[in-house]
């Protein structure tokens, strides 16, 4: 390869190592933050369930009191009829029937409330279990982030001086163009693939391809502007007989 192209590739390889290391650190941090968000969400969910349970328990108390009142009223009315103390038997009998209807309705309501309490308690247990697992996962991820983070920092400290030295070997024009690729977040180089650029597939002129392959000159793709690298596989001349 051309000497300038060797410098560009070396710098790009170092920057790629730095990007990969930083990407790993960012991924570990994101994983911890994702679990933190999940833990926060489950905490809010548990708070909501606690409020719902408290409201249902108040409802249970109110319905229970009303049910007890009608049970006592039913018993008194029943006693009047059994003791033949009712002045108006028909009216008392009607009152007894109404009391029984209220008792039945309230008992059904109480059963429905108890079912909701049981459902809420079950949901709370599920969320608490998931929360415990999330906290355990968070602890493991955080430990991994801290441990791997130390390794990544050491890797970056080792790579960075080499990166600065490699960047300093580029002339101003090449450095500016290289920085433009970095700012865009795209690779600055692309291999020739047959007769086209391996990145954008724009056709490469034969003379340009020959000079890139031989290392005589440095060229950029007319399509994407990347510096062209020699083909990964040696080109085969179809007119040349096989050895």
Protein backbone atom coordinates (compact mmCIF):
# COMPACT_ATOMS: atom_id res chain seq x y z
CA UNK A 1 0.00 0.00 0.00
CA UNK A 2 0.97 3.62 -0.46
CA UNK A 3 2.76 5.08 2.58
CA UNK A 4 0.01 7.66 3.24
CA UNK A 5 -2.61 4.95 3.03
CA UNK A 6 -0.69 2.86 5.57
CA UNK A 7 -0.80 5.83 7.97
CA UNK A 8 -4.54 6.30 7.44
CA UNK A 9 -5.28 2.61 7.98
CA UNK A 10 -3.14 2.51 11.12
CA UNK A 11 -4.96 5.52 12.56
CA UNK A 12 -8.32 4.05 11.61
CA UNK A 13 -7.48 0.74 13.30
CA UNK A 14 -6.51 2.53 16.50
CA UNK A 15 -9.66 4.65 16.40
CA UNK A 16 -11.70 1.48 15.80
CA UNK A 17 -10.18 -0.10 18.91
CA UNK A 18 -11.01 3.03 20.90
CA UNK A 19 -14.56 3.09 19.54
CA UNK A 20 -15.06 -0.57 20.41
CA UNK A 21 -13.76 -0.09 23.96
CA UNK A 22 -15.95 2.96 24.49
CA UNK A 23 -18.89 1.11 22.98
CA UNK A 24 -18.44 -1.74 25.44
CA UNK A 25 -18.33 0.69 28.35
CA UNK A 26 -21.43 2.49 27.07
CA UNK A 27 -23.27 -0.82 26.61
CA UNK A 28 -22.51 -1.88 30.19
CA UNK A 29 -23.64 1.52 31.49
CA UNK A 30 -26.82 1.33 29.40
CA UNK A 31 -27.56 -2.15 30.79
CA UNK A 32 -27.28 -0.83 34.36
CA UNK A 33 -29.46 2.19 33.54
CA UNK A 34 -32.05 -0.06 31.88
CA UNK A 35 -32.33 -2.17 35.04
CA UNK A 36 -32.43 1.00 37.17
CA UNK A 37 -35.39 2.21 35.12
CA UNK A 38 -37.08 -1.16 35.52
CA UNK A 39 -36.51 -1.08 39.29
CA UNK A 40 -37.92 2.45 39.47
CA UNK A 41 -40.95 1.41 37.42
CA UNK A 42 -41.60 -1.60 39.66
CA UNK A 43 -41.24 0.60 42.74
CA UNK A 44 -43.94 2.90 41.40
CA UNK A 45 -46.06 -0.12 40.52
CA UNK A 46 -45.78 -1.43 44.07
CA UNK A 47 -46.71 1.98 45.46
CA UNK A 48 -49.78 2.01 43.21
CA UNK A 49 -50.74 -1.49 44.31
CA UNK A 50 -50.36 -0.50 47.96
CA UNK A 51 -52.70 2.45 47.42
CA UNK A 52 -55.17 0.22 45.60
CA UNK A 53 -55.04 -2.34 48.40
CA UNK A 54 -55.59 0.33 51.04
CA UNK A 55 -58.62 1.66 49.15
CA UNK A 56 -60.08 -1.85 48.78
CA UNK A 57 -59.54 -2.51 52.49
CA UNK A 58 -61.48 0.65 53.34
CA UNK A 59 -64.22 -0.55 51.00
CA UNK A 60 -64.14 -3.95 52.73
CA UNK A 61 -64.56 -2.28 56.13
CA UNK A 62 -67.50 -0.18 54.94
CA UNK A 63 -69.27 -3.10 53.29
CA UNK A 64 -68.57 -5.31 56.31
CA UNK A 65 -70.16 -2.79 58.66
CA UNK A 66 -73.20 -2.41 56.44
CA UNK A 67 -73.51 -6.18 56.15
CA UNK A 68 -73.32 -6.58 59.92
CA UNK A 69 -76.03 -3.94 60.31
CA UNK A 70 -78.41 -5.77 57.98
CA UNK A 71 -77.61 -9.13 59.54
CA UNK A 72 -78.62 -7.72 62.94
CA UNK A 73 -81.69 -6.08 61.45
CA UNK A 74 -82.64 -9.35 59.79
CA UNK A 75 -82.24 -11.19 63.08
CA UNK A 76 -84.43 -8.68 64.96
CA UNK A 77 -87.11 -8.80 62.28
CA UNK A 78 -86.99 -12.60 62.29
CA UNK A 79 -87.36 -12.56 66.10
CA UNK A 80 -90.47 -10.34 65.86
CA UNK A 81 -92.09 -12.78 63.50
CA UNK A 82 -91.08 -15.86 65.44
CA UNK A 83 -92.35 -14.31 68.69
CA UNK A 84 -95.56 -13.15 67.06
CA UNK A 85 -94.79 -9.60 68.23
CA UNK A 86 -95.29 -7.96 64.84
CA UNK A 87 -98.29 -5.65 64.68
CA UNK A 88 -98.40 -5.81 60.89
CA UNK A 89 -97.23 -9.26 59.88
CA UNK A 90 -97.27 -8.47 56.14
CA UNK A 91 -95.15 -5.35 56.56
CA UNK A 92 -92.66 -7.13 58.80
CA UNK A 93 -92.44 -10.03 56.37
CA UNK A 94 -91.73 -7.58 53.56
CA UNK A 95 -89.03 -5.91 55.69
CA UNK A 96 -87.49 -9.30 56.39
CA UNK A 97 -87.35 -10.09 52.68
CA UNK A 98 -85.73 -6.73 51.97
CA UNK A 99 -83.16 -7.33 54.72
CA UNK A 100 -82.33 -10.72 53.25
CA UNK A 101 -81.89 -9.16 49.82
CA UNK A 102 -79.53 -6.56 51.27
CA UNK A 103 -77.58 -9.22 53.12
CA UNK A 104 -77.26 -11.31 49.93
CA UNK A 105 -76.17 -8.28 47.90
CA UNK A 106 -73.63 -7.23 50.50
CA UNK A 107 -72.26 -10.73 50.87
CA UNK A 108 -71.72 -10.87 47.10
CA UNK A 109 -70.05 -7.46 47.22
CA UNK A 110 -67.84 -8.60 50.08
CA UNK A 111 -66.79 -11.72 48.18
CA UNK A 112 -65.94 -9.57 45.15
CA UNK A 113 -63.89 -7.22 47.35
CA UNK A 114 -62.03 -10.15 48.91
CA UNK A 115 -61.28 -11.49 45.43
CA UNK A 116 -59.83 -8.10 44.49
CA UNK A 117 -57.74 -8.07 47.65
CA UNK A 118 -56.42 -11.53 46.85
CA UNK A 119 -55.66 -10.51 43.26
CA UNK A 120 -53.86 -7.37 44.42
CA UNK A 121 -51.84 -9.33 46.98
CA UNK A 122 -50.88 -11.85 44.30
CA UNK A 123 -49.86 -9.05 41.94
CA UNK A 124 -47.82 -7.45 44.71
CA UNK A 125 -46.02 -10.74 45.35
CA UNK A 126 -45.21 -11.11 41.65
CA UNK A 127 -43.85 -7.56 41.40
CA UNK A 128 -41.83 -7.96 44.61
CA UNK A 129 -40.30 -11.16 43.24
CA UNK A 130 -39.47 -9.46 39.94
CA UNK A 131 -38.03 -6.50 41.86
CA UNK A 132 -35.78 -8.79 43.90
CA UNK A 133 -34.51 -10.41 40.70
CA UNK A 134 -33.96 -7.01 39.08
CA UNK A 135 -31.96 -5.79 42.07
CA UNK A 136 -29.84 -8.93 41.92
CA UNK A 137 -29.31 -8.43 38.19
CA UNK A 138 -28.44 -4.79 38.77
CA UNK A 139 -25.80 -5.71 41.34
CA UNK A 140 -24.19 -8.19 38.92
CA UNK A 141 -24.28 -5.74 35.99
CA UNK A 142 -22.86 -2.93 38.10
CA UNK A 143 -20.01 -5.14 39.30
CA UNK A 144 -19.31 -6.13 35.70
CA UNK A 145 -19.41 -2.48 34.63
CA UNK A 146 -16.93 -1.49 37.34
CA UNK A 147 -14.57 -4.40 36.64
CA UNK A 148 -14.69 -4.14 32.85
CA UNK A 149 -14.56 -0.35 33.13
CA UNK A 150 -11.16 -0.55 34.81
CA UNK A 151 -9.91 -2.79 32.01
CA UNK A 152 -11.29 -0.45 29.34
CA UNK A 153 -9.67 2.57 30.95
CA UNK A 154 -6.35 0.73 30.98
CA UNK A 155 -6.80 -0.21 27.32
CA UNK A 156 -7.59 3.37 26.35
CA UNK A 157 -4.62 4.70 28.32
CA UNK A 158 -2.40 2.31 26.38
CA UNK A 159 -3.92 3.07 22.98
CA UNK A 160 -4.29 6.83 23.22
CA UNK A 161 -0.59 7.80 22.98
CA UNK A 162 -0.24 5.55 19.92
CA UNK A 163 -3.31 7.16 18.43
CA UNK A 164 -1.92 10.66 18.96
CA UNK A 165 1.37 9.64 17.38
CA UNK A 166 -0.40 8.08 14.37
CA UNK A 167 -2.56 11.17 13.89
CA UNK A 168 0.52 13.38 14.03
CA UNK A 169 2.05 11.56 11.07
CA UNK A 170 -0.74 12.64 8.69
CA UNK A 171 -0.30 15.85 6.74
CA UNK A 172 -2.86 18.60 7.26
CA UNK A 173 -4.96 17.78 4.20
CA UNK A 174 -5.23 14.08 5.02
CA UNK A 175 -5.88 14.82 8.69
CA UNK A 176 -8.73 17.21 7.85
CA UNK A 177 -10.34 14.75 5.46
CA UNK A 178 -9.92 11.95 7.98
CA UNK A 179 -11.54 14.08 10.67
CA UNK A 180 -14.49 14.66 8.37
CA UNK A 181 -15.12 10.92 8.16
CA UNK A 182 -14.83 10.60 11.93
CA UNK A 183 -17.31 13.42 12.44
CA UNK A 184 -19.77 11.60 10.19
CA UNK A 185 -19.15 8.32 12.00
CA UNK A 186 -18.24 6.38 8.85
CA UNK A 187 -15.19 4.37 7.83
CA UNK A 188 -12.66 6.47 5.92
CA UNK A 189 -11.44 3.54 3.80
CA UNK A 190 -13.00 0.90 1.57
CA UNK A 191 -11.53 -2.06 -0.28
CA UNK A 192 -11.79 -2.28 -4.03
CA UNK A 193 -14.08 -5.18 -4.84
CA UNK A 194 -13.61 -6.29 -8.38
CA UNK A 195 -14.10 -3.17 -10.42
CA UNK A 196 -16.20 -1.27 -7.87
CA UNK A 197 -15.85 0.36 -4.46
CA UNK A 198 -16.66 -2.14 -1.74
CA UNK A 199 -18.60 0.51 0.20
CA UNK A 200 -20.76 2.31 -2.37
CA UNK A 201 -20.26 0.08 -5.46
CA UNK A 202 -19.32 2.94 -7.75
CA UNK A 203 -17.11 1.77 -10.62
CA UNK A 204 -13.36 2.33 -10.18
CA UNK A 205 -11.39 3.22 -13.27
CA UNK A 206 -8.92 0.55 -14.37
CA UNK A 207 -5.89 2.83 -14.07
CA UNK A 208 -6.98 3.98 -10.61
CA UNK A 209 -7.51 0.40 -9.49
CA UNK A 210 -4.09 -0.60 -10.80
CA UNK A 211 -2.36 2.26 -8.97
CA UNK A 212 -4.19 1.48 -5.71
CA UNK A 213 -3.31 -2.22 -5.97
CA UNK A 214 0.34 -1.52 -6.76
CA UNK A 215 0.60 1.15 -4.08
CA UNK A 216 1.95 3.74 -6.52
CA UNK A 217 -0.67 6.37 -5.68
CA UNK A 218 -3.43 7.02 -3.16
CA UNK A 219 -6.95 7.44 -4.55
CA UNK A 220 -10.43 8.16 -3.22
CA UNK A 221 -13.70 6.75 -4.48
CA UNK A 222 -15.63 9.04 -6.84
CA UNK A 223 -18.86 7.98 -5.15
CA UNK A 224 -18.36 8.01 -1.39
CA UNK A 225 -14.99 9.77 -1.13
CA UNK A 226 -13.38 7.01 0.92
CA UNK A 227 -9.74 6.19 0.39
CA UNK A 228 -9.50 3.04 -1.67
CA UNK A 229 -7.66 -0.01 -0.37
CA UNK A 230 -6.34 -2.87 -2.50
CA UNK A 231 -8.74 -5.83 -2.94
CA UNK A 232 -8.88 -8.29 -0.07
CA UNK A 233 -8.34 -11.13 -2.56
CA UNK A 234 -5.73 -10.92 -5.37
CA UNK A 235 -7.35 -10.07 -8.68
CA UNK A 236 -7.26 -12.79 -11.32
CA UNK A 237 -6.69 -11.83 -14.96
CA UNK A 238 -9.22 -13.88 -16.95
CA UNK A 239 -6.93 -13.74 -20.02
CA UNK A 240 -3.94 -15.13 -18.11
CA UNK A 241 -3.68 -18.93 -18.31
CA UNK A 242 -3.86 -20.78 -15.02
CA UNK A 243 -0.56 -22.02 -13.72
